Amino acid sequence: MTIFEKIVSGEIPANKVLENDDFLAFYDINPKAPIHILAIPKKCIKDFHSADAELLKDLNEFIKEVAKKVGLDSSGYRIISNIGSDGGQEVPH
């Protein structure tokens, strides 16, 4: 079980930003930017390449909601997906 699965299940606490039936957004405990939020599917998906188009479409809509909630929708933000160890991915979720 990955750390993200433990966060989704409530086994490990997280500073949640937004949650729905399919996704969870929370502040990174080791931020690399002044605002660093992780948005993940609740279902364990190994990486971007393993996600189907419908999940990615829904995730994009969720990210827009997160950005609006924290007030970044008008000022701007960036979206990053680290894929595999060479891409900097630390949690295979």
PDB file of N, CA and C in Angstrom:
ATOM      1  N   MET A   1       0.846  -1.178   0.000  1.00  0.00           N
ATOM      2  CA  MET A   1       0.000   0.000   0.000  1.00  0.00           C
ATOM      3  C   MET A   1       0.896   1.247   0.000  1.00  0.00           C
ATOM      4  N   THR A   2       0.598   2.188  -0.905  1.00  0.00           N
ATOM      5  CA  THR A   2       1.409   3.401  -0.993  1.00  0.00           C
ATOM      6  C   THR A   2       0.963   4.420   0.059  1.00  0.00           C
ATOM      7  N   ILE A   3       1.806   5.411   0.288  1.00  0.00           N
ATOM      8  CA  ILE A   3       1.465   6.476   1.230  1.00  0.00           C
ATOM      9  C   ILE A   3       0.198   7.208   0.769  1.00  0.00           C
ATOM     10  N   PHE A   4       0.008   7.358  -0.541  1.00  0.00           N
ATOM     11  CA  PHE A   4      -1.188   8.032  -1.038  1.00  0.00           C
ATOM     12  C   PHE A   4      -2.442   7.210  -0.737  1.00  0.00           C
ATOM     13  N   GLU A   5      -2.351   5.895  -0.857  1.00  0.00           N
ATOM     14  CA  GLU A   5      -3.494   5.042  -0.508  1.00  0.00           C
ATOM     15  C   GLU A   5      -3.818   5.179   0.976  1.00  0.00           C
ATOM     16  N   LYS A   6      -2.792   5.303   1.814  1.00  0.00           N
ATOM     17  CA  LYS A   6      -3.009   5.486   3.244  1.00  0.00           C
ATOM     18  C   LYS A   6      -3.631   6.843   3.539  1.00  0.00           C
ATOM     19  N   ILE A   7      -3.272   7.860   2.774  1.00  0.00           N
ATOM     20  CA  ILE A   7      -3.887   9.185   2.938  1.00  0.00           C
ATOM     21  C   ILE A   7      -5.349   9.121   2.516  1.00  0.00           C
ATOM     22  N   VAL A   8      -5.626   8.497   1.382  1.00  0.00           N
ATOM     23  CA  VAL A   8      -7.010   8.372   0.891  1.00  0.00           C
ATOM     24  C   VAL A   8      -7.870   7.633   1.904  1.00  0.00           C
ATOM     25  N   SER A   9      -7.342   6.582   2.506  1.00  0.00           N
ATOM     26  CA  SER A   9      -8.124   5.786   3.461  1.00  0.00           C
ATOM     27  C   SER A   9      -8.269   6.466   4.821  1.00  0.00           C
ATOM     28  N   GLY A  10      -7.505   7.525   5.059  1.00  0.00           N
ATOM     29  CA  GLY A  10      -7.561   8.210   6.345  1.00  0.00           C
ATOM     30  C   GLY A  10      -6.590   7.670   7.369  1.00  0.00           C
ATOM     31  N   GLU A  11      -5.807   6.682   6.979  1.00  0.00           N
ATOM     32  CA  GLU A  11      -4.819   6.086   7.889  1.00  0.00           C
ATOM     33  C   GLU A  11      -3.715   7.093   8.228  1.00  0.00           C
ATOM     34  N   ILE A  12      -3.372   7.932   7.266  1.00  0.00           N
ATOM     35  CA  ILE A  12      -2.386   8.995   7.458  1.00  0.00           C
ATOM     36  C   ILE A  12      -3.104  10.320   7.236  1.00  0.00           C
ATOM     37  N   PRO A  13      -2.971  11.264   8.166  1.00  0.00           N
ATOM     38  CA  PRO A  13      -3.656  12.557   7.988  1.00  0.00           C
ATOM     39  C   PRO A  13      -3.022  13.399   6.885  1.00  0.00           C
ATOM     40  N   ALA A  14      -3.833  14.275   6.302  1.00  0.00           N
ATOM     41  CA  ALA A  14      -3.352  15.194   5.278  1.00  0.00           C
ATOM     42  C   ALA A  14      -4.104  16.505   5.408  1.00  0.00           C
ATOM     43  N   ASN A  15      -3.463  17.572   5.002  1.00  0.00           N
ATOM     44  CA  ASN A  15      -4.093  18.889   4.989  1.00  0.00           C
ATOM     45  C   ASN A  15      -4.857  19.000   3.669  1.00  0.00           C
ATOM     46  N   LYS A  16      -6.120  18.574   3.698  1.00  0.00           N
ATOM     47  CA  LYS A  16      -6.927  18.482   2.486  1.00  0.00           C
ATOM     48  C   LYS A  16      -7.358  19.851   1.984  1.00  0.00           C
ATOM     49  N   VAL A  17      -7.360  19.975   0.665  1.00  0.00           N
ATOM     50  CA  VAL A  17      -7.834  21.182  -0.006  1.00  0.00           C
ATOM     51  C   VAL A  17      -9.240  20.933  -0.539  1.00  0.00           C
ATOM     52  N   LEU A  18      -9.428  19.799  -1.210  1.00  0.00           N
ATOM     53  CA  LEU A  18     -10.701  19.467  -1.837  1.00  0.00           C
ATOM     54  C   LEU A  18     -10.773  17.959  -2.009  1.00  0.00           C
ATOM     55  N   GLU A  19     -11.990  17.440  -1.909  1.00  0.00           N
ATOM     56  CA  GLU A  19     -12.187  15.999  -2.049  1.00  0.00           C
ATOM     57  C   GLU A  19     -13.555  15.759  -2.662  1.00  0.00           C
ATOM     58  N   ASN A  20     -13.625  14.752  -3.534  1.00  0.00           N
ATOM     59  CA  ASN A  20     -14.915  14.269  -4.015  1.00  0.00           C
ATOM     60  C   ASN A  20     -14.857  12.749  -4.032  1.00  0.00           C
ATOM     61  N   ASP A  21     -15.796  12.112  -4.681  1.00  0.00           N
ATOM     62  CA  ASP A  21     -15.838  10.647  -4.672  1.00  0.00           C
ATOM     63  C   ASP A  21     -14.631  10.009  -5.358  1.00  0.00           C
ATOM     64  N   ASP A  22     -14.041  10.718  -6.322  1.00  0.00           N
ATOM     65  CA  ASP A  22     -12.990  10.119  -7.137  1.00  0.00           C
ATOM     66  C   ASP A  22     -11.583  10.656  -6.914  1.00  0.00           C
ATOM     67  N   PHE A  23     -11.476  11.891  -6.375  1.00  0.00           N
ATOM     68  CA  PHE A  23     -10.174  12.544  -6.273  1.00  0.00           C
ATOM     69  C   PHE A  23      -9.981  13.208  -4.916  1.00  0.00           C
ATOM     70  N   LEU A  24      -8.717  13.426  -4.588  1.00  0.00           N
ATOM     71  CA  LEU A  24      -8.341  14.107  -3.355  1.00  0.00           C
ATOM     72  C   LEU A  24      -7.193  15.063  -3.673  1.00  0.00           C
ATOM     73  N   ALA A  25      -7.304  16.288  -3.160  1.00  0.00           N
ATOM     74  CA  ALA A  25      -6.223  17.263  -3.290  1.00  0.00           C
ATOM     75  C   ALA A  25      -5.783  17.658  -1.885  1.00  0.00           C
ATOM     76  N   PHE A  26      -4.475  17.701  -1.672  1.00  0.00           N
ATOM     77  CA  PHE A  26      -3.942  18.036  -0.356  1.00  0.00           C
ATOM     78  C   PHE A  26      -2.584  18.706  -0.523  1.00  0.00           C
ATOM     79  N   TYR A  27      -2.199  19.467   0.499  1.00  0.00           N
ATOM     80  CA  TYR A  27      -0.903  20.154   0.467  1.00  0.00           C
ATOM     81  C   TYR A  27       0.227  19.156   0.653  1.00  0.00           C
ATOM     82  N   ASP A  28       1.269  19.295  -0.144  1.00  0.00           N
ATOM     83  CA  ASP A  28       2.454  18.445  -0.045  1.00  0.00           C
ATOM     84  C   ASP A  28       3.170  18.728   1.273  1.00  0.00           C
ATOM     85  N   ILE A  29       3.613  17.679   1.959  1.00  0.00           N
ATOM     86  CA  ILE A  29       4.303  17.885   3.247  1.00  0.00           C
ATOM     87  C   ILE A  29       5.742  18.354   3.059  1.00  0.00           C
ATOM     88  N   ASN A  30       6.258  18.253   1.836  1.00  0.00           N
ATOM     89  CA  ASN A  30       7.610  18.714   1.521  1.00  0.00           C
ATOM     90  C   ASN A  30       7.524  19.590   0.265  1.00  0.00           C
ATOM     91  N   PRO A  31       6.924  20.777   0.397  1.00  0.00           N
ATOM     92  CA  PRO A  31       6.644  21.595  -0.793  1.00  0.00           C
ATOM     93  C   PRO A  31       7.889  22.060  -1.537  1.00  0.00           C
ATOM     94  N   LYS A  32       7.762  22.095  -2.849  1.00  0.00           N
ATOM     95  CA  LYS A  32       8.830  22.581  -3.730  1.00  0.00           C
ATOM     96  C   LYS A  32       8.479  23.958  -4.292  1.00  0.00           C
ATOM     97  N   ALA A  33       7.357  24.519  -3.855  1.00  0.00           N
ATOM     98  CA  ALA A  33       6.889  25.832  -4.307  1.00  0.00           C
ATOM     99  C   ALA A  33       6.093  26.447  -3.159  1.00  0.00           C
ATOM    100  N   PRO A  34       5.875  27.755  -3.193  1.00  0.00           N
ATOM    101  CA  PRO A  34       5.095  28.392  -2.119  1.00  0.00           C
ATOM    102  C   PRO A  34       3.706  27.765  -1.932  1.00  0.00           C
ATOM    103  N   ILE A  35       3.069  27.382  -3.024  1.00  0.00           N
ATOM    104  CA  ILE A  35       1.817  26.621  -2.959  1.00  0.00           C
ATOM    105  C   ILE A  35       2.052  25.339  -3.734  1.00  0.00           C
ATOM    106  N   HIS A  36       2.024  24.212  -3.032  1.00  0.00           N
ATOM    107  CA  HIS A  36       2.312  22.910  -3.648  1.00  0.00           C
ATOM    108  C   HIS A  36       1.214  21.949  -3.220  1.00  0.00           C
ATOM    109  N   ILE A  37       0.302  21.698  -4.135  1.00  0.00           N
ATOM    110  CA  ILE A  37      -0.851  20.844  -3.862  1.00  0.00           C
ATOM    111  C   ILE A  37      -0.772  19.616  -4.748  1.00  0.00           C
ATOM    112  N   LEU A  38      -1.013  18.461  -4.169  1.00  0.00           N
ATOM    113  CA  LEU A  38      -1.080  17.209  -4.917  1.00  0.00           C
ATOM    114  C   LEU A  38      -2.548  16.880  -5.158  1.00  0.00           C
ATOM    115  N   ALA A  39      -2.894  16.574  -6.394  1.00  0.00           N
ATOM    116  CA  ALA A  39      -4.250  16.137  -6.750  1.00  0.00           C
ATOM    117  C   ALA A  39      -4.120  14.721  -7.285  1.00  0.00           C
ATOM    118  N   ILE A  40      -4.756  13.784  -6.599  1.00  0.00           N
ATOM    119  CA  ILE A  40      -4.592  12.369  -6.955  1.00  0.00           C
ATOM    120  C   ILE A  40      -5.953  11.695  -7.105  1.00  0.00           C
ATOM    121  N   PRO A  41      -5.994  10.648  -7.941  1.00  0.00           N
ATOM    122  CA  PRO A  41      -7.210   9.832  -7.957  1.00  0.00           C
ATOM    123  C   PRO A  41      -7.250   8.990  -6.684  1.00  0.00           C
ATOM    124  N   LYS A  42      -8.437   8.736  -6.186  1.00  0.00           N
ATOM    125  CA  LYS A  42      -8.540   7.877  -5.001  1.00  0.00           C
ATOM    126  C   LYS A  42      -8.206   6.436  -5.355  1.00  0.00           C
ATOM    127  N   LYS A  43      -8.510   6.042  -6.578  1.00  0.00           N
ATOM    128  CA  LYS A  43      -8.150   4.716  -7.070  1.00  0.00           C
ATOM    129  C   LYS A  43      -6.668   4.751  -7.433  1.00  0.00           C
ATOM    130  N   CYS A  44      -5.924   3.746  -7.017  1.00  0.00           N
ATOM    131  CA  CYS A  44      -4.482   3.720  -7.286  1.00  0.00           C
ATOM    132  C   CYS A  44      -4.217   3.496  -8.774  1.00  0.00           C
ATOM    133  N   ILE A  45      -3.637   4.504  -9.385  1.00  0.00           N
ATOM    134  CA  ILE A  45      -3.212   4.445 -10.788  1.00  0.00           C
ATOM    135  C   ILE A  45      -1.707   4.673 -10.768  1.00  0.00           C
ATOM    136  N   LYS A  46      -0.941   3.745 -11.310  1.00  0.00           N
ATOM    137  CA  LYS A  46       0.525   3.792 -11.201  1.00  0.00           C
ATOM    138  C   LYS A  46       1.121   5.114 -11.675  1.00  0.00           C
ATOM    139  N   ASP A  47       0.674   5.613 -12.822  1.00  0.00           N
ATOM    140  CA  ASP A  47       1.221   6.851 -13.367  1.00  0.00           C
ATOM    141  C   ASP A  47       0.335   7.357 -14.495  1.00  0.00           C
ATOM    142  N   PHE A  48       0.727   8.469 -15.073  1.00  0.00           N
ATOM    143  CA  PHE A  48      -0.009   9.110 -16.158  1.00  0.00           C
ATOM    144  C   PHE A  48      -0.291   8.140 -17.306  1.00  0.00           C
ATOM    145  N   HIS A  49       0.692   7.335 -17.683  1.00  0.00           N
ATOM    146  CA  HIS A  49       0.535   6.401 -18.802  1.00  0.00           C
ATOM    147  C   HIS A  49      -0.488   5.309 -18.504  1.00  0.00           C
ATOM    148  N   SER A  50      -0.727   5.028 -17.243  1.00  0.00           N
ATOM    149  CA  SER A  50      -1.673   3.982 -16.865  1.00  0.00           C
ATOM    150  C   SER A  50      -3.110   4.496 -16.744  1.00  0.00           C
ATOM    151  N   ALA A  51      -3.298   5.795 -16.810  1.00  0.00           N
ATOM    152  CA  ALA A  51      -4.623   6.396 -16.653  1.00  0.00           C
ATOM    153  C   ALA A  51      -5.334   6.467 -17.999  1.00  0.00           C
ATOM    154  N   ASP A  52      -6.635   6.185 -17.973  1.00  0.00           N
ATOM    155  CA  ASP A  52      -7.388   6.294 -19.219  1.00  0.00           C
ATOM    156  C   ASP A  52      -7.861   7.731 -19.442  1.00  0.00           C
ATOM    157  N   ALA A  53      -8.305   8.007 -20.642  1.00  0.00           N
ATOM    158  CA  ALA A  53      -8.678   9.370 -21.039  1.00  0.00           C
ATOM    159  C   ALA A  53      -9.796   9.934 -20.176  1.00  0.00           C
ATOM    160  N   GLU A  54     -10.753   9.121 -19.805  1.00  0.00           N
ATOM    161  CA  GLU A  54     -11.879   9.605 -18.990  1.00  0.00           C
ATOM    162  C   GLU A  54     -11.406  10.046 -17.611  1.00  0.00           C
ATOM    163  N   LEU A  55     -10.529   9.270 -16.994  1.00  0.00           N
ATOM    164  CA  LEU A  55      -9.996   9.640 -15.689  1.00  0.00           C
ATOM    165  C   LEU A  55      -9.209  10.943 -15.786  1.00  0.00           C
ATOM    166  N   LEU A  56      -8.389  11.080 -16.826  1.00  0.00           N
ATOM    167  CA  LEU A  56      -7.597  12.295 -16.989  1.00  0.00           C
ATOM    168  C   LEU A  56      -8.482  13.516 -17.238  1.00  0.00           C
ATOM    169  N   LYS A  57      -9.554  13.347 -17.995  1.00  0.00           N
ATOM    170  CA  LYS A  57     -10.496  14.434 -18.224  1.00  0.00           C
ATOM    171  C   LYS A  57     -11.118  14.873 -16.904  1.00  0.00           C
ATOM    172  N   ASP A  58     -11.559  13.911 -16.113  1.00  0.00           N
ATOM    173  CA  ASP A  58     -12.176  14.224 -14.821  1.00  0.00           C
ATOM    174  C   ASP A  58     -11.170  14.839 -13.853  1.00  0.00           C
ATOM    175  N   LEU A  59      -9.932  14.354 -13.882  1.00  0.00           N
ATOM    176  CA  LEU A  59      -8.888  14.914 -13.033  1.00  0.00           C
ATOM    177  C   LEU A  59      -8.615  16.371 -13.405  1.00  0.00           C
ATOM    178  N   ASN A  60      -8.587  16.671 -14.691  1.00  0.00           N
ATOM    179  CA  ASN A  60      -8.372  18.057 -15.124  1.00  0.00           C
ATOM    180  C   ASN A  60      -9.474  18.976 -14.600  1.00  0.00           C
ATOM    181  N   GLU A  61     -10.712  18.524 -14.639  1.00  0.00           N
ATOM    182  CA  GLU A  61     -11.825  19.328 -14.117  1.00  0.00           C
ATOM    183  C   GLU A  61     -11.680  19.516 -12.610  1.00  0.00           C
ATOM    184  N   PHE A  62     -11.251  18.472 -11.914  1.00  0.00           N
ATOM    185  CA  PHE A  62     -11.030  18.550 -10.467  1.00  0.00           C
ATOM    186  C   PHE A  62      -9.928  19.557 -10.148  1.00  0.00           C
ATOM    187  N   ILE A  63      -8.848  19.528 -10.923  1.00  0.00           N
ATOM    188  CA  ILE A  63      -7.741  20.459 -10.708  1.00  0.00           C
ATOM    189  C   ILE A  63      -8.211  21.894 -10.888  1.00  0.00           C
ATOM    190  N   LYS A  64      -9.068  22.137 -11.860  1.00  0.00           N
ATOM    191  CA  LYS A  64      -9.630  23.485 -12.044  1.00  0.00           C
ATOM    192  C   LYS A  64     -10.398  23.926 -10.798  1.00  0.00           C
ATOM    193  N   GLU A  65     -11.153  23.020 -10.206  1.00  0.00           N
ATOM    194  CA  GLU A  65     -11.886  23.324  -8.975  1.00  0.00           C
ATOM    195  C   GLU A  65     -10.918  23.648  -7.829  1.00  0.00           C
ATOM    196  N   VAL A  66      -9.840  22.880  -7.728  1.00  0.00           N
ATOM    197  CA  VAL A  66      -8.831  23.110  -6.690  1.00  0.00           C
ATOM    198  C   VAL A  66      -8.221  24.497  -6.870  1.00  0.00           C
ATOM    199  N   ALA A  67      -7.820  24.823  -8.091  1.00  0.00           N
ATOM    200  CA  ALA A  67      -7.212  26.121  -8.372  1.00  0.00           C
ATOM    201  C   ALA A  67      -8.157  27.258  -7.991  1.00  0.00           C
ATOM    202  N   LYS A  68      -9.421  27.099  -8.301  1.00  0.00           N
ATOM    203  CA  LYS A  68     -10.406  28.129  -7.954  1.00  0.00           C
ATOM    204  C   LYS A  68     -10.551  28.246  -6.445  1.00  0.00           C
ATOM    205  N   LYS A  69     -10.604  27.111  -5.759  1.00  0.00           N
ATOM    206  CA  LYS A  69     -10.784  27.120  -4.305  1.00  0.00           C
ATOM    207  C   LYS A  69      -9.650  27.845  -3.593  1.00  0.00           C
ATOM    208  N   VAL A  70      -8.418  27.685  -4.072  1.00  0.00           N
ATOM    209  CA  VAL A  70      -7.273  28.327  -3.412  1.00  0.00           C
ATOM    210  C   VAL A  70      -6.917  29.676  -4.039  1.00  0.00           C
ATOM    211  N   GLY A  71      -7.724  30.124  -4.994  1.00  0.00           N
ATOM    212  CA  GLY A  71      -7.543  31.448  -5.561  1.00  0.00           C
ATOM    213  C   GLY A  71      -6.460  31.579  -6.612  1.00  0.00           C
ATOM    214  N   LEU A  72      -6.127  30.472  -7.277  1.00  0.00           N
ATOM    215  CA  LEU A  72      -5.092  30.514  -8.305  1.00  0.00           C
ATOM    216  C   LEU A  72      -5.659  30.545  -9.719  1.00  0.00           C
ATOM    217  N   ASP A  73      -6.965  30.434  -9.837  1.00  0.00           N
ATOM    218  CA  ASP A  73      -7.570  30.334 -11.165  1.00  0.00           C
ATOM    219  C   ASP A  73      -7.347  31.576 -12.015  1.00  0.00           C
ATOM    220  N   SER A  74      -7.229  32.747 -11.399  1.00  0.00           N
ATOM    221  CA  SER A  74      -7.005  33.955 -12.197  1.00  0.00           C
ATOM    222  C   SER A  74      -5.536  34.378 -12.230  1.00  0.00           C
ATOM    223  N   SER A  75      -4.763  34.016 -11.207  1.00  0.00           N
ATOM    224  CA  SER A  75      -3.357  34.442 -11.167  1.00  0.00           C
ATOM    225  C   SER A  75      -2.430  33.470 -11.888  1.00  0.00           C
ATOM    226  N   GLY A  76      -2.817  32.203 -11.988  1.00  0.00           N
ATOM    227  CA  GLY A  76      -2.028  31.214 -12.710  1.00  0.00           C
ATOM    228  C   GLY A  76      -1.412  30.152 -11.824  1.00  0.00           C
ATOM    229  N   TYR A  77      -1.117  29.046 -12.427  1.00  0.00           N
ATOM    230  CA  TYR A  77      -0.527  27.889 -11.740  1.00  0.00           C
ATOM    231  C   TYR A  77       0.051  26.964 -12.795  1.00  0.00           C
ATOM    232  N   ARG A  78       0.818  25.977 -12.353  1.00  0.00           N
ATOM    233  CA  ARG A  78       1.313  24.978 -13.293  1.00  0.00           C
ATOM    234  C   ARG A  78       0.932  23.598 -12.803  1.00  0.00           C
ATOM    235  N   ILE A  79       0.812  22.695 -13.749  1.00  0.00           N
ATOM    236  CA  ILE A  79       0.459  21.302 -13.472  1.00  0.00           C
ATOM    237  C   ILE A  79       1.628  20.442 -13.914  1.00  0.00           C
ATOM    238  N   ILE A  80       2.069  19.566 -13.027  1.00  0.00           N
ATOM    239  CA  ILE A  80       3.194  18.676 -13.325  1.00  0.00           C
ATOM    240  C   ILE A  80       2.771  17.243 -13.012  1.00  0.00           C
ATOM    241  N   SER A  81       3.171  16.313 -13.859  1.00  0.00           N
ATOM    242  CA  SER A  81       2.992  14.894 -13.582  1.00  0.00           C
ATOM    243  C   SER A  81       4.352  14.230 -13.734  1.00  0.00           C
ATOM    244  N   ASN A  82       4.924  13.786 -12.627  1.00  0.00           N
ATOM    245  CA  ASN A  82       6.189  13.056 -12.660  1.00  0.00           C
ATOM    246  C   ASN A  82       5.885  11.601 -12.984  1.00  0.00           C
ATOM    247  N   ILE A  83       6.561  11.078 -13.999  1.00  0.00           N
ATOM    248  CA  ILE A  83       6.278   9.726 -14.465  1.00  0.00           C
ATOM    249  C   ILE A  83       7.547   8.891 -14.398  1.00  0.00           C
ATOM    250  N   GLY A  84       7.530   7.854 -13.570  1.00  0.00           N
ATOM    251  CA  GLY A  84       8.675   6.966 -13.421  1.00  0.00           C
ATOM    252  C   GLY A  84       9.818   7.604 -12.645  1.00  0.00           C
ATOM    253  N   SER A  85      10.756   6.789 -12.236  1.00  0.00           N
ATOM    254  CA  SER A  85      11.865   7.280 -11.408  1.00  0.00           C
ATOM    255  C   SER A  85      12.723   8.307 -12.153  1.00  0.00           C
ATOM    256  N   ASP A  86      12.918   8.134 -13.447  1.00  0.00           N
ATOM    257  CA  ASP A  86      13.698   9.116 -14.209  1.00  0.00           C
ATOM    258  C   ASP A  86      12.958  10.447 -14.337  1.00  0.00           C
ATOM    259  N   GLY A  87      11.644  10.427 -14.187  1.00  0.00           N
ATOM    260  CA  GLY A  87      10.840  11.638 -14.249  1.00  0.00           C
ATOM    261  C   GLY A  87      10.598  12.263 -12.884  1.00  0.00           C
ATOM    262  N   GLY A  88      11.183  11.671 -11.846  1.00  0.00           N
ATOM    263  CA  GLY A  88      11.047  12.228 -10.501  1.00  0.00           C
ATOM    264  C   GLY A  88       9.866  11.705  -9.707  1.00  0.00           C
ATOM    265  N   GLN A  89       9.164  10.697 -10.219  1.00  0.00           N
ATOM    266  CA  GLN A  89       8.025  10.151  -9.488  1.00  0.00           C
ATOM    267  C   GLN A  89       8.521   9.395  -8.256  1.00  0.00           C
ATOM    268  N   GLU A  90       7.977   9.778  -7.092  1.00  0.00           N
ATOM    269  CA  GLU A  90       8.380   9.142  -5.832  1.00  0.00           C
ATOM    270  C   GLU A  90       7.372   8.120  -5.344  1.00  0.00           C
ATOM    271  N   VAL A  91       6.096   8.337  -5.671  1.00  0.00           N
ATOM    272  CA  VAL A  91       5.035   7.423  -5.229  1.00  0.00           C
ATOM    273  C   VAL A  91       4.335   6.865  -6.466  1.00  0.00           C
ATOM    274  N   PRO A  92       4.365   5.549  -6.656  1.00  0.00           N
ATOM    275  CA  PRO A  92       3.700   4.969  -7.828  1.00  0.00           C
ATOM    276  C   PRO A  92       2.189   4.918  -7.639  1.00  0.00           C
ATOM    277  N   HIS A  93       1.575   6.072  -7.737  1.00  0.00           N
ATOM    278  CA  HIS A  93       0.116   6.199  -7.561  1.00  0.00           C
ATOM    279  C   HIS A  93      -0.385   7.219  -8.545  1.00  0.00           C
TER     280      HIS A  93
END
